[in-house]
Amino acid sequence: MSDSEKVIYTLLEVLIAVGCCVGNVLVIWAVCSCRALCQTTFCFVVSLAVADFLVGAVAVPLAVVVDGRVETSFHSCLLISCVVIVLTQASVHSLLAIAVDRYLRVYNPHRYRGAVRKQNLWAAVTVCWLSASVLGLIPLSGWHNQNPTTSVNSTITCQFLMVISMSYMVNFNFLVCILSPTIVMMAIYAFIFCKISKQLRRGIGQAVESRTFYHKERRLAHSLALVLALFVVSWFPLHILNALTYYNTSVSVPPLAFHIGVLLSHANSAVNPIVYAFKIPKIKIAYKNILKKLTGSKQNPDQSSQTLDNNISSNSNSNVRCSVKNSQTVKTNINQDA
C-alpha cells in the first residue's frame, strides 16, 4: 500500500477499535447491571461481548503491528499473530454456545428451566475460551512457516502471513474451526424456527402463556441469527481470499483486498452492540438507563431496574391480553358457525 493508504487504513482501524471497546463495554454493563437480563443466554452474550471488546483493545492494535510495521523475533511475531486467532475462535465458540442454548430452551423448555444453572453456564463459557485458546495457539507447537532468522540476523519484519502457515489458516482454522461450526449453527437456527412455527400453528388448543413464550423466543432467535449472519458476512470474505491464494497460486489477490477484508472482520465486533440495541428490547432499555446515569440523571439503579422490569412486564401483559382476545374471537366464530 502507498503511504496515504496506510494512513487511511490505520485511522479506520483506530475508529473500529474505539467502537469495539465503547460498544461492548456498554453491552457488558447493561447485562451485568440489569435484573431483567439475567437470562441464561445473556451469559454467552457477555462472553461474545468480551471477545469483541478484546478485538478492539488487543487484536486491532496487534493487527496493525503485524502489518510489517515493527521488527521482532520470529516467535514473538508468531505469538502476537496467534492471539488474534484465539479471539476469532472465542467469538465462534460463543456464537455456537448461544445457538445450542437457544436450541435446548426451545426443544424442551420445562426441562431446560429445571436443569440449567448459572454455574453450569459459566463453566460452559470457560470451556469456550479454553478450547479457543487451544485451537488458536496450535501454530506455536510447530504448525507455522519456516523461521528465516539466523544467528546474525535474529529479527524479522513482523507480518501475519510470514509466520502463520497458510495451510493452517485455510485447512484447519477456516474449514474446520469456522466453516463447520457455522454450518452447524445455521442448522440449529433452522430447527429452532421450524419448531417455533410448528408450536404457534397449533392455535386454539394451546395455552396463552405457551404462545407468548414462543413469540418471545422467535424474536430473540431472529436477533441472534442476525448476529450470526453478520459474522459470516464480515469474516468469510477474508478467509475466502486466503483460500483462493492457497488453492490457486495463479490467482493474484491485491494487498488492498486483504486489508479491506481485515477491516471488515474487525468491524463485525463493533456492529454487534448496535444490533443488540435495535433488535433486543431489554438491552435497548438497559442502554437508555445507563446513558441516563452517565448524563447525570437522578434515577437510581434500583429505579432503573424496576422501570425495565415494569416495561417488560407491561409488554408481556399486553401480549397475553391480545392472545386472550384472539382466542375468545376464535371461539365465538366457532360457536356462531355451529
C-alpha atoms as a PDB file:
ATOM      1  CA  MET A   1       0.000   0.000   0.000  1.00  0.00           C
ATOM      2  CA  SER A   2       1.003   3.594  -0.521  1.00  0.00           C
ATOM      3  CA  ASP A   3       1.711   5.862   2.445  1.00  0.00           C
ATOM      4  CA  SER A   4      -1.693   7.580   2.115  1.00  0.00           C
ATOM      5  CA  GLU A   5      -3.475   4.218   2.034  1.00  0.00           C
ATOM      6  CA  LYS A   6      -1.590   3.112   5.160  1.00  0.00           C
ATOM      7  CA  VAL A   7      -2.676   6.271   6.976  1.00  0.00           C
ATOM      8  CA  ILE A   8      -6.324   5.752   5.982  1.00  0.00           C
ATOM      9  CA  TYR A   9      -6.138   2.074   6.971  1.00  0.00           C
ATOM     10  CA  THR A  10      -4.659   2.932  10.371  1.00  0.00           C
ATOM     11  CA  LEU A  11      -7.270   5.635  11.045  1.00  0.00           C
ATOM     12  CA  LEU A  12     -10.095   3.234  10.167  1.00  0.00           C
ATOM     13  CA  GLU A  13      -8.607   0.610  12.473  1.00  0.00           C
ATOM     14  CA  VAL A  14      -8.455   3.163  15.302  1.00  0.00           C
ATOM     15  CA  LEU A  15     -12.110   4.122  14.779  1.00  0.00           C
ATOM     16  CA  ILE A  16     -13.143   0.453  14.729  1.00  0.00           C
ATOM     17  CA  ALA A  17     -11.121  -0.225  17.887  1.00  0.00           C
ATOM     18  CA  VAL A  18     -12.818   2.645  19.740  1.00  0.00           C
ATOM     19  CA  GLY A  19     -16.237   1.441  18.573  1.00  0.00           C
ATOM     20  CA  CYS A  20     -15.469  -2.131  19.706  1.00  0.00           C
ATOM     21  CA  CYS A  21     -14.341  -1.021  23.162  1.00  0.00           C
ATOM     22  CA  VAL A  22     -17.105   1.506  23.881  1.00  0.00           C
ATOM     23  CA  GLY A  23     -19.962  -0.547  22.429  1.00  0.00           C
ATOM     24  CA  ASN A  24     -19.066  -3.823  24.090  1.00  0.00           C
ATOM     25  CA  VAL A  25     -18.333  -2.247  27.475  1.00  0.00           C
ATOM     26  CA  LEU A  26     -21.880  -0.903  27.223  1.00  0.00           C
ATOM     27  CA  VAL A  27     -23.205  -4.415  26.476  1.00  0.00           C
ATOM     28  CA  ILE A  28     -21.353  -5.951  29.436  1.00  0.00           C
ATOM     29  CA  TRP A  29     -22.501  -3.148  31.732  1.00  0.00           C
ATOM     30  CA  ALA A  30     -26.119  -3.495  30.585  1.00  0.00           C
ATOM     31  CA  VAL A  31     -26.253  -7.260  31.153  1.00  0.00           C
ATOM     32  CA  CYS A  32     -24.425  -7.215  34.489  1.00  0.00           C
ATOM     33  CA  SER A  33     -26.403  -4.314  35.981  1.00  0.00           C
ATOM     34  CA  CYS A  34     -29.936  -5.265  34.930  1.00  0.00           C
ATOM     35  CA  ARG A  35     -32.039  -7.953  36.608  1.00  0.00           C
ATOM     36  CA  ALA A  36     -34.199  -8.373  33.516  1.00  0.00           C
ATOM     37  CA  LEU A  37     -31.117  -9.512  31.564  1.00  0.00           C
ATOM     38  CA  CYS A  38     -30.268 -12.387  33.914  1.00  0.00           C
ATOM     39  CA  GLN A  39     -31.442 -14.994  31.409  1.00  0.00           C
ATOM     40  CA  THR A  40     -29.008 -17.782  30.675  1.00  0.00           C
ATOM     41  CA  THR A  41     -28.430 -16.779  27.050  1.00  0.00           C
ATOM     42  CA  PHE A  42     -27.053 -13.409  28.089  1.00  0.00           C
ATOM     43  CA  CYS A  43     -24.140 -15.143  29.880  1.00  0.00           C
ATOM     44  CA  PHE A  44     -22.962 -16.183  26.423  1.00  0.00           C
ATOM     45  CA  VAL A  45     -23.772 -12.729  25.038  1.00  0.00           C
ATOM     46  CA  VAL A  46     -21.392 -11.324  27.673  1.00  0.00           C
ATOM     47  CA  SER A  47     -18.752 -13.847  26.574  1.00  0.00           C
ATOM     48  CA  LEU A  48     -19.169 -12.693  22.965  1.00  0.00           C
ATOM     49  CA  ALA A  49     -19.027  -9.045  24.070  1.00  0.00           C
ATOM     50  CA  VAL A  50     -15.780  -9.713  25.982  1.00  0.00           C
ATOM     51  CA  ALA A  51     -14.282 -11.289  22.849  1.00  0.00           C
ATOM     52  CA  ASP A  52     -15.445  -8.307  20.757  1.00  0.00           C
ATOM     53  CA  PHE A  53     -14.036  -5.866  23.333  1.00  0.00           C
ATOM     54  CA  LEU A  54     -10.669  -7.632  23.216  1.00  0.00           C
ATOM     55  CA  VAL A  55     -10.736  -7.392  19.429  1.00  0.00           C
ATOM     56  CA  GLY A  56     -10.789  -3.610  19.817  1.00  0.00           C
ATOM     57  CA  ALA A  57      -8.412  -3.421  22.772  1.00  0.00           C
ATOM     58  CA  VAL A  58      -5.916  -6.119  21.705  1.00  0.00           C
ATOM     59  CA  ALA A  59      -6.485  -7.650  18.254  1.00  0.00           C
ATOM     60  CA  VAL A  60      -6.738  -4.403  16.277  1.00  0.00           C
ATOM     61  CA  PRO A  61      -3.544  -2.880  17.751  1.00  0.00           C
ATOM     62  CA  LEU A  62      -1.755  -6.196  17.218  1.00  0.00           C
ATOM     63  CA  ALA A  63      -3.077  -6.406  13.637  1.00  0.00           C
ATOM     64  CA  VAL A  64      -1.526  -3.018  12.953  1.00  0.00           C
ATOM     65  CA  VAL A  65       1.733  -4.248  14.496  1.00  0.00           C
ATOM     66  CA  VAL A  66       1.836  -7.430  12.363  1.00  0.00           C
ATOM     67  CA  ASP A  67       1.309  -5.420   9.193  1.00  0.00           C
ATOM     68  CA  GLY A  68       5.037  -5.022   8.628  1.00  0.00           C
ATOM     69  CA  ARG A  69       5.499  -2.025  10.904  1.00  0.00           C
ATOM     70  CA  VAL A  70       7.885  -3.388  13.557  1.00  0.00           C
ATOM     71  CA  GLU A  71      10.932  -5.604  13.861  1.00  0.00           C
ATOM     72  CA  THR A  72      10.506  -8.546  16.260  1.00  0.00           C
ATOM     73  CA  SER A  73      11.851 -12.016  16.804  1.00  0.00           C
ATOM     74  CA  PHE A  74      10.134 -14.781  14.813  1.00  0.00           C
ATOM     75  CA  HIS A  75       8.441 -16.367  17.825  1.00  0.00           C
ATOM     76  CA  SER A  76       7.286 -13.007  19.234  1.00  0.00           C
ATOM     77  CA  CYS A  77       5.588 -12.273  15.923  1.00  0.00           C
ATOM     78  CA  LEU A  78       4.119 -15.785  15.940  1.00  0.00           C
ATOM     79  CA  LEU A  79       2.676 -15.314  19.439  1.00  0.00           C
ATOM     80  CA  ILE A  80       1.154 -11.937  18.512  1.00  0.00           C
ATOM     81  CA  SER A  81      -0.488 -13.497  15.447  1.00  0.00           C
ATOM     82  CA  CYS A  82      -1.844 -16.427  17.484  1.00  0.00           C
ATOM     83  CA  VAL A  83      -3.547 -14.059  19.959  1.00  0.00           C
ATOM     84  CA  VAL A  84      -5.538 -12.576  17.057  1.00  0.00           C
ATOM     85  CA  ILE A  85      -6.644 -16.092  16.023  1.00  0.00           C
ATOM     86  CA  VAL A  86      -7.651 -17.002  19.608  1.00  0.00           C
ATOM     87  CA  LEU A  87     -10.050 -14.046  19.779  1.00  0.00           C
ATOM     88  CA  THR A  88     -11.657 -15.097  16.500  1.00  0.00           C
ATOM     89  CA  GLN A  89     -12.126 -18.616  17.845  1.00  0.00           C
ATOM     90  CA  ALA A  90     -13.617 -17.239  21.081  1.00  0.00           C
ATOM     91  CA  SER A  91     -16.249 -15.387  19.033  1.00  0.00           C
ATOM     92  CA  VAL A  92     -17.115 -18.528  17.057  1.00  0.00           C
ATOM     93  CA  HIS A  93     -17.417 -20.654  20.193  1.00  0.00           C
ATOM     94  CA  SER A  94     -19.574 -18.049  21.947  1.00  0.00           C
ATOM     95  CA  LEU A  95     -21.906 -17.900  18.930  1.00  0.00           C
ATOM     96  CA  LEU A  96     -22.116 -21.696  18.924  1.00  0.00           C
ATOM     97  CA  ALA A  97     -22.888 -21.748  22.659  1.00  0.00           C
ATOM     98  CA  ILE A  98     -25.666 -19.180  22.131  1.00  0.00           C
ATOM     99  CA  ALA A  99     -27.205 -21.313  19.367  1.00  0.00           C
ATOM    100  CA  VAL A 100     -27.060 -24.511  21.454  1.00  0.00           C
ATOM    101  CA  ASP A 101     -28.571 -22.688  24.456  1.00  0.00           C
ATOM    102  CA  ARG A 102     -31.483 -21.448  22.309  1.00  0.00           C
ATOM    103  CA  TYR A 103     -31.977 -24.954  20.901  1.00  0.00           C
ATOM    104  CA  LEU A 104     -32.189 -26.541  24.350  1.00  0.00           C
ATOM    105  CA  ARG A 105     -34.562 -23.847  25.589  1.00  0.00           C
ATOM    106  CA  VAL A 106     -36.970 -24.267  22.677  1.00  0.00           C
ATOM    107  CA  TYR A 107     -36.693 -28.065  22.347  1.00  0.00           C
ATOM    108  CA  ASN A 108     -37.664 -28.812  25.966  1.00  0.00           C
ATOM    109  CA  PRO A 109     -38.370 -25.572  27.887  1.00  0.00           C
ATOM    110  CA  HIS A 110     -39.614 -27.223  31.115  1.00  0.00           C
ATOM    111  CA  ARG A 111     -36.589 -29.487  31.479  1.00  0.00           C
ATOM    112  CA  TYR A 112     -34.284 -26.610  30.484  1.00  0.00           C
ATOM    113  CA  ARG A 113     -35.571 -24.382  33.284  1.00  0.00           C
ATOM    114  CA  GLY A 114     -35.072 -27.101  35.867  1.00  0.00           C
ATOM    115  CA  ALA A 115     -31.685 -28.370  34.694  1.00  0.00           C
ATOM    116  CA  VAL A 116     -29.723 -25.269  33.674  1.00  0.00           C
ATOM    117  CA  ARG A 117     -27.928 -23.363  36.426  1.00  0.00           C
ATOM    118  CA  LYS A 118     -25.736 -20.288  36.205  1.00  0.00           C
ATOM    119  CA  GLN A 119     -22.746 -22.238  37.485  1.00  0.00           C
ATOM    120  CA  ASN A 120     -23.106 -24.618  34.530  1.00  0.00           C
ATOM    121  CA  LEU A 121     -23.348 -21.726  32.112  1.00  0.00           C
ATOM    122  CA  TRP A 122     -20.198 -20.003  33.354  1.00  0.00           C
ATOM    123  CA  ALA A 123     -18.436 -23.373  33.208  1.00  0.00           C
ATOM    124  CA  ALA A 124     -19.534 -23.597  29.561  1.00  0.00           C
ATOM    125  CA  VAL A 125     -18.176 -20.084  28.944  1.00  0.00           C
ATOM    126  CA  THR A 126     -14.842 -21.168  30.445  1.00  0.00           C
ATOM    127  CA  VAL A 127     -14.779 -24.206  28.143  1.00  0.00           C
ATOM    128  CA  CYS A 128     -15.425 -21.925  25.150  1.00  0.00           C
ATOM    129  CA  TRP A 129     -12.393 -19.781  25.978  1.00  0.00           C
ATOM    130  CA  LEU A 130     -10.126 -22.718  26.815  1.00  0.00           C
ATOM    131  CA  SER A 131     -10.970 -24.505  23.564  1.00  0.00           C
ATOM    132  CA  ALA A 132     -10.499 -21.256  21.616  1.00  0.00           C
ATOM    133  CA  SER A 133      -7.067 -20.818  23.206  1.00  0.00           C
ATOM    134  CA  VAL A 134      -6.003 -24.382  22.394  1.00  0.00           C
ATOM    135  CA  LEU A 135      -7.079 -24.128  18.746  1.00  0.00           C
ATOM    136  CA  GLY A 136      -5.679 -20.622  18.266  1.00  0.00           C
ATOM    137  CA  LEU A 137      -2.276 -21.411  19.786  1.00  0.00           C
ATOM    138  CA  ILE A 138      -1.646 -24.527  17.688  1.00  0.00           C
ATOM    139  CA  PRO A 139       0.876 -22.698  15.428  1.00  0.00           C
ATOM    140  CA  LEU A 140       3.132 -22.285  18.480  1.00  0.00           C
ATOM    141  CA  SER A 141       3.503 -26.080  18.616  1.00  0.00           C
ATOM    142  CA  GLY A 142       5.137 -26.177  15.175  1.00  0.00           C
ATOM    143  CA  TRP A 143       2.451 -25.637  12.514  1.00  0.00           C
ATOM    144  CA  HIS A 144       3.949 -22.403  11.230  1.00  0.00           C
ATOM    145  CA  ASN A 145       6.150 -21.135   8.424  1.00  0.00           C
ATOM    146  CA  GLN A 146       9.874 -21.774   8.450  1.00  0.00           C
ATOM    147  CA  ASN A 147      11.873 -19.493  10.739  1.00  0.00           C
ATOM    148  CA  PRO A 148      14.044 -17.332   8.419  1.00  0.00           C
ATOM    149  CA  THR A 149      16.143 -15.791  11.203  1.00  0.00           C
ATOM    150  CA  THR A 150      19.816 -16.622  11.728  1.00  0.00           C
ATOM    151  CA  SER A 151      22.357 -16.024  14.456  1.00  0.00           C
ATOM    152  CA  VAL A 152      23.488 -12.941  12.553  1.00  0.00           C
ATOM    153  CA  ASN A 153      20.015 -11.561  11.850  1.00  0.00           C
ATOM    154  CA  SER A 154      17.684 -12.608  14.696  1.00  0.00           C
ATOM    155  CA  THR A 155      14.721 -10.349  13.868  1.00  0.00           C
ATOM    156  CA  ILE A 156      12.129 -10.130  11.097  1.00  0.00           C
ATOM    157  CA  THR A 157       9.681  -7.530   9.891  1.00  0.00           C
ATOM    158  CA  CYS A 158       6.588  -8.873  11.629  1.00  0.00           C
ATOM    159  CA  GLN A 159       3.878  -9.852   9.153  1.00  0.00           C
ATOM    160  CA  PHE A 160       0.993 -12.233   9.843  1.00  0.00           C
ATOM    161  CA  LEU A 161       1.396 -14.398   6.734  1.00  0.00           C
ATOM    162  CA  MET A 162       5.169 -14.527   7.162  1.00  0.00           C
ATOM    163  CA  VAL A 163       4.814 -16.591  10.344  1.00  0.00           C
ATOM    164  CA  ILE A 164       1.369 -18.250  10.139  1.00  0.00           C
ATOM    165  CA  SER A 165       1.137 -21.190   7.757  1.00  0.00           C
ATOM    166  CA  MET A 166      -1.483 -20.754   5.053  1.00  0.00           C
ATOM    167  CA  SER A 167      -2.302 -24.470   5.294  1.00  0.00           C
ATOM    168  CA  TYR A 168      -3.227 -23.917   8.962  1.00  0.00           C
ATOM    169  CA  MET A 169      -5.288 -20.818   8.145  1.00  0.00           C
ATOM    170  CA  VAL A 170      -7.255 -22.449   5.320  1.00  0.00           C
ATOM    171  CA  ASN A 171      -7.451 -26.187   6.026  1.00  0.00           C
ATOM    172  CA  PHE A 172      -7.769 -26.005   9.794  1.00  0.00           C
ATOM    173  CA  ASN A 173      -8.742 -22.532  11.009  1.00  0.00           C
ATOM    174  CA  PHE A 174     -11.274 -21.814   8.250  1.00  0.00           C
ATOM    175  CA  LEU A 175     -12.631 -25.181   7.111  1.00  0.00           C
ATOM    176  CA  VAL A 176     -12.599 -26.963  10.478  1.00  0.00           C
ATOM    177  CA  CYS A 177     -12.845 -24.231  13.136  1.00  0.00           C
ATOM    178  CA  ILE A 178     -15.027 -21.616  11.408  1.00  0.00           C
ATOM    179  CA  LEU A 179     -16.926 -23.062   8.437  1.00  0.00           C
ATOM    180  CA  SER A 180     -18.003 -26.301  10.147  1.00  0.00           C
ATOM    181  CA  PRO A 181     -19.387 -24.617  13.316  1.00  0.00           C
ATOM    182  CA  THR A 182     -21.135 -22.041  11.124  1.00  0.00           C
ATOM    183  CA  ILE A 183     -22.955 -24.783   9.197  1.00  0.00           C
ATOM    184  CA  VAL A 184     -23.948 -26.411  12.498  1.00  0.00           C
ATOM    185  CA  MET A 185     -25.273 -23.082  13.826  1.00  0.00           C
ATOM    186  CA  MET A 186     -27.302 -22.481  10.673  1.00  0.00           C
ATOM    187  CA  ALA A 187     -28.856 -25.931  11.038  1.00  0.00           C
ATOM    188  CA  ILE A 188     -29.652 -25.240  14.705  1.00  0.00           C
ATOM    189  CA  TYR A 189     -31.390 -21.947  13.946  1.00  0.00           C
ATOM    190  CA  ALA A 190     -33.322 -23.585  11.091  1.00  0.00           C
ATOM    191  CA  PHE A 191     -34.563 -26.209  13.556  1.00  0.00           C
ATOM    192  CA  ILE A 192     -35.435 -23.525  16.122  1.00  0.00           C
ATOM    193  CA  PHE A 193     -37.566 -21.570  13.655  1.00  0.00           C
ATOM    194  CA  CYS A 194     -39.301 -24.747  12.417  1.00  0.00           C
ATOM    195  CA  LYS A 195     -40.013 -25.838  15.992  1.00  0.00           C
ATOM    196  CA  ILE A 196     -41.413 -22.432  16.981  1.00  0.00           C
ATOM    197  CA  SER A 197     -43.544 -22.180  13.825  1.00  0.00           C
ATOM    198  CA  LYS A 198     -44.929 -25.655  14.447  1.00  0.00           C
ATOM    199  CA  GLN A 199     -45.843 -24.767  18.034  1.00  0.00           C
ATOM    200  CA  LEU A 200     -47.504 -21.495  17.025  1.00  0.00           C
ATOM    201  CA  ARG A 201     -49.556 -23.195  14.274  1.00  0.00           C
ATOM    202  CA  ARG A 202     -51.285 -25.362  16.872  1.00  0.00           C
ATOM    203  CA  GLY A 203     -53.586 -22.433  17.526  1.00  0.00           C
ATOM    204  CA  ILE A 204     -56.734 -22.795  19.598  1.00  0.00           C
ATOM    205  CA  GLY A 205     -55.808 -25.582  21.996  1.00  0.00           C
ATOM    206  CA  GLN A 206     -52.528 -24.016  23.104  1.00  0.00           C
ATOM    207  CA  ALA A 207     -52.173 -22.131  26.384  1.00  0.00           C
ATOM    208  CA  VAL A 208     -51.773 -18.346  26.209  1.00  0.00           C
ATOM    209  CA  GLU A 209     -48.532 -18.488  28.210  1.00  0.00           C
ATOM    210  CA  SER A 210     -47.086 -21.048  25.808  1.00  0.00           C
ATOM    211  CA  ARG A 211     -47.850 -18.882  22.761  1.00  0.00           C
ATOM    212  CA  THR A 212     -46.327 -15.839  24.473  1.00  0.00           C
ATOM    213  CA  PHE A 213     -43.198 -17.846  25.289  1.00  0.00           C
ATOM    214  CA  TYR A 214     -42.722 -18.977  21.683  1.00  0.00           C
ATOM    215  CA  HIS A 215     -43.341 -15.467  20.313  1.00  0.00           C
ATOM    216  CA  LYS A 216     -40.600 -14.132  22.588  1.00  0.00           C
ATOM    217  CA  GLU A 217     -38.245 -16.944  21.646  1.00  0.00           C
ATOM    218  CA  ARG A 218     -38.811 -16.311  17.943  1.00  0.00           C
ATOM    219  CA  ARG A 219     -37.989 -12.602  18.296  1.00  0.00           C
ATOM    220  CA  LEU A 220     -34.817 -13.325  20.255  1.00  0.00           C
ATOM    221  CA  ALA A 221     -33.796 -16.103  17.848  1.00  0.00           C
ATOM    222  CA  HIS A 222     -34.213 -13.700  14.909  1.00  0.00           C
ATOM    223  CA  SER A 223     -31.909 -11.193  16.627  1.00  0.00           C
ATOM    224  CA  LEU A 224     -29.230 -13.761  17.455  1.00  0.00           C
ATOM    225  CA  ALA A 225     -29.427 -15.305  13.979  1.00  0.00           C
ATOM    226  CA  LEU A 226     -28.785 -11.808  12.592  1.00  0.00           C
ATOM    227  CA  VAL A 227     -25.627 -11.608  14.730  1.00  0.00           C
ATOM    228  CA  LEU A 228     -24.510 -14.923  13.182  1.00  0.00           C
ATOM    229  CA  ALA A 229     -25.316 -13.685   9.656  1.00  0.00           C
ATOM    230  CA  LEU A 230     -23.248 -10.540  10.209  1.00  0.00           C
ATOM    231  CA  PHE A 231     -20.357 -12.680  11.449  1.00  0.00           C
ATOM    232  CA  VAL A 232     -20.479 -14.705   8.223  1.00  0.00           C
ATOM    233  CA  VAL A 233     -20.679 -11.589   6.034  1.00  0.00           C
ATOM    234  CA  SER A 234     -17.790  -9.949   7.907  1.00  0.00           C
ATOM    235  CA  TRP A 235     -15.339 -12.850   8.275  1.00  0.00           C
ATOM    236  CA  PHE A 236     -15.875 -15.089   5.265  1.00  0.00           C
ATOM    237  CA  PRO A 237     -14.524 -12.680   2.586  1.00  0.00           C
ATOM    238  CA  LEU A 238     -11.081 -12.640   4.219  1.00  0.00           C
ATOM    239  CA  HIS A 239     -10.990 -16.429   4.579  1.00  0.00           C
ATOM    240  CA  ILE A 240     -12.207 -16.922   1.012  1.00  0.00           C
ATOM    241  CA  LEU A 241      -9.366 -14.688  -0.216  1.00  0.00           C
ATOM    242  CA  ASN A 242      -6.917 -16.827   1.787  1.00  0.00           C
ATOM    243  CA  ALA A 243      -8.388 -19.997   0.260  1.00  0.00           C
ATOM    244  CA  LEU A 244      -8.127 -18.576  -3.259  1.00  0.00           C
ATOM    245  CA  THR A 245      -4.464 -17.727  -2.864  1.00  0.00           C
ATOM    246  CA  TYR A 246      -3.718 -21.092  -1.231  1.00  0.00           C
ATOM    247  CA  TYR A 247      -5.538 -23.432  -3.614  1.00  0.00           C
ATOM    248  CA  ASN A 248      -4.949 -21.453  -6.807  1.00  0.00           C
ATOM    249  CA  THR A 249      -1.476 -19.957  -6.858  1.00  0.00           C
ATOM    250  CA  SER A 250      -2.153 -18.377 -10.257  1.00  0.00           C
ATOM    251  CA  VAL A 251      -4.707 -16.043  -8.666  1.00  0.00           C
ATOM    252  CA  SER A 252      -3.176 -12.732  -7.663  1.00  0.00           C
ATOM    253  CA  VAL A 253      -5.191 -11.000  -4.939  1.00  0.00           C
ATOM    254  CA  PRO A 254      -4.158  -7.349  -4.442  1.00  0.00           C
ATOM    255  CA  PRO A 255      -2.952  -6.437  -0.914  1.00  0.00           C
ATOM    256  CA  LEU A 256      -5.685  -3.788  -0.724  1.00  0.00           C
ATOM    257  CA  ALA A 257      -8.335  -6.523  -0.919  1.00  0.00           C
ATOM    258  CA  PHE A 258      -6.770  -8.297   2.060  1.00  0.00           C
ATOM    259  CA  HIS A 259      -6.714  -5.077   4.070  1.00  0.00           C
ATOM    260  CA  ILE A 260     -10.387  -4.434   3.280  1.00  0.00           C
ATOM    261  CA  GLY A 261     -11.148  -7.986   4.419  1.00  0.00           C
ATOM    262  CA  VAL A 262      -9.275  -7.380   7.682  1.00  0.00           C
ATOM    263  CA  LEU A 263     -11.171  -4.126   8.282  1.00  0.00           C
ATOM    264  CA  LEU A 264     -14.487  -5.857   7.603  1.00  0.00           C
ATOM    265  CA  SER A 265     -13.684  -8.672  10.033  1.00  0.00           C
ATOM    266  CA  HIS A 266     -12.732  -6.222  12.788  1.00  0.00           C
ATOM    267  CA  ALA A 267     -15.802  -4.066  12.139  1.00  0.00           C
ATOM    268  CA  ASN A 268     -18.018  -7.042  12.979  1.00  0.00           C
ATOM    269  CA  SER A 269     -17.066  -6.661  16.650  1.00  0.00           C
ATOM    270  CA  ALA A 270     -18.210  -3.033  16.626  1.00  0.00           C
ATOM    271  CA  VAL A 271     -21.543  -3.813  14.922  1.00  0.00           C
ATOM    272  CA  ASN A 272     -22.883  -6.374  17.414  1.00  0.00           C
ATOM    273  CA  PRO A 273     -23.735  -3.830  20.180  1.00  0.00           C
ATOM    274  CA  ILE A 274     -25.714  -1.829  17.608  1.00  0.00           C
ATOM    275  CA  VAL A 275     -27.653  -4.950  16.606  1.00  0.00           C
ATOM    276  CA  TYR A 276     -28.492  -5.631  20.257  1.00  0.00           C
ATOM    277  CA  ALA A 277     -29.782  -2.065  20.666  1.00  0.00           C
ATOM    278  CA  PHE A 278     -32.132  -2.249  17.687  1.00  0.00           C
ATOM    279  CA  LYS A 279     -33.248  -5.877  17.929  1.00  0.00           C
ATOM    280  CA  ILE A 280     -33.365  -6.796  21.652  1.00  0.00           C
ATOM    281  CA  PRO A 281     -35.741  -4.504  23.621  1.00  0.00           C
ATOM    282  CA  LYS A 282     -34.336  -5.469  27.042  1.00  0.00           C
ATOM    283  CA  ILE A 283     -30.830  -4.376  26.058  1.00  0.00           C
ATOM    284  CA  LYS A 284     -32.148  -1.240  24.389  1.00  0.00           C
ATOM    285  CA  ILE A 285     -33.910  -0.143  27.593  1.00  0.00           C
ATOM    286  CA  ALA A 286     -30.812  -1.035  29.638  1.00  0.00           C
ATOM    287  CA  TYR A 287     -28.706   1.138  27.291  1.00  0.00           C
ATOM    288  CA  LYS A 288     -31.067   4.065  27.883  1.00  0.00           C
ATOM    289  CA  ASN A 289     -30.836   3.651  31.653  1.00  0.00           C
ATOM    290  CA  ILE A 290     -27.037   3.571  31.520  1.00  0.00           C
ATOM    291  CA  LEU A 291     -26.926   6.685  29.345  1.00  0.00           C
ATOM    292  CA  LYS A 292     -29.230   8.442  31.824  1.00  0.00           C
ATOM    293  CA  LYS A 293     -26.754   7.666  34.599  1.00  0.00           C
ATOM    294  CA  LEU A 294     -23.812   8.906  32.535  1.00  0.00           C
ATOM    295  CA  THR A 295     -25.596  12.142  31.643  1.00  0.00           C
ATOM    296  CA  GLY A 296     -26.440  12.955  35.280  1.00  0.00           C
ATOM    297  CA  SER A 297     -29.981  11.645  35.553  1.00  0.00           C
ATOM    298  CA  LYS A 298     -31.132  11.244  39.165  1.00  0.00           C
ATOM    299  CA  GLN A 299     -32.751   7.888  38.516  1.00  0.00           C
ATOM    300  CA  ASN A 300     -31.027   5.411  40.812  1.00  0.00           C
ATOM    301  CA  PRO A 301     -30.066   1.854  39.791  1.00  0.00           C
ATOM    302  CA  ASP A 302     -32.982   0.232  41.622  1.00  0.00           C
ATOM    303  CA  GLN A 303     -35.443   2.555  39.894  1.00  0.00           C
ATOM    304  CA  SER A 304     -33.801   1.860  36.525  1.00  0.00           C
ATOM    305  CA  SER A 305     -34.031  -1.881  37.005  1.00  0.00           C
ATOM    306  CA  GLN A 306     -37.604  -1.584  38.259  1.00  0.00           C
ATOM    307  CA  THR A 307     -38.527   0.564  35.254  1.00  0.00           C
ATOM    308  CA  LEU A 308     -37.108  -2.031  32.892  1.00  0.00           C
ATOM    309  CA  ASP A 309     -38.925  -4.837  34.695  1.00  0.00           C
ATOM    310  CA  ASN A 310     -42.182  -2.856  34.565  1.00  0.00           C
ATOM    311  CA  ASN A 311     -41.775  -2.139  30.853  1.00  0.00           C
ATOM    312  CA  ILE A 312     -41.090  -5.788  30.067  1.00  0.00           C
ATOM    313  CA  SER A 313     -43.976  -6.902  32.301  1.00  0.00           C
ATOM    314  CA  SER A 314     -46.273  -4.411  30.595  1.00  0.00           C
ATOM    315  CA  ASN A 315     -45.293  -5.729  27.169  1.00  0.00           C
ATOM    316  CA  SER A 316     -45.840  -9.322  28.330  1.00  0.00           C
ATOM    317  CA  ASN A 317     -49.263  -8.494  29.778  1.00  0.00           C
ATOM    318  CA  SER A 318     -50.197  -6.729  26.566  1.00  0.00           C
ATOM    319  CA  ASN A 319     -49.217  -9.806  24.541  1.00  0.00           C
ATOM    320  CA  VAL A 320     -51.234 -12.042  26.872  1.00  0.00           C
ATOM    321  CA  ARG A 321     -54.309  -9.789  26.601  1.00  0.00           C
ATOM    322  CA  CYS A 322     -54.041  -9.806  22.816  1.00  0.00           C
ATOM    323  CA  SER A 323     -53.715 -13.594  22.791  1.00  0.00           C
ATOM    324  CA  VAL A 324     -56.751 -13.988  25.090  1.00  0.00           C
ATOM    325  CA  LYS A 325     -58.788 -11.646  22.910  1.00  0.00           C
ATOM    326  CA  ASN A 326     -57.818 -13.551  19.749  1.00  0.00           C
ATOM    327  CA  SER A 327     -58.672 -16.868  21.425  1.00  0.00           C
ATOM    328  CA  GLN A 328     -62.073 -15.555  22.510  1.00  0.00           C
ATOM    329  CA  THR A 329     -62.756 -14.280  18.990  1.00  0.00           C
ATOM    330  CA  VAL A 330     -61.925 -17.680  17.502  1.00  0.00           C
ATOM    331  CA  LYS A 331     -64.194 -19.455  19.995  1.00  0.00           C
ATOM    332  CA  THR A 332     -67.063 -17.006  19.220  1.00  0.00           C
ATOM    333  CA  ASN A 333     -66.685 -17.661  15.498  1.00  0.00           C
ATOM    334  CA  ILE A 334     -66.753 -21.419  16.093  1.00  0.00           C
ATOM    335  CA  ASN A 335     -69.958 -21.134  18.207  1.00  0.00           C
ATOM    336  CA  GLN A 336     -71.596 -18.989  15.519  1.00  0.00           C
ATOM    337  CA  ASP A 337     -70.703 -21.494  12.831  1.00  0.00           C
ATOM    338  CA  ALA A 338     -72.144 -24.299  14.976  1.00  0.00           C
END
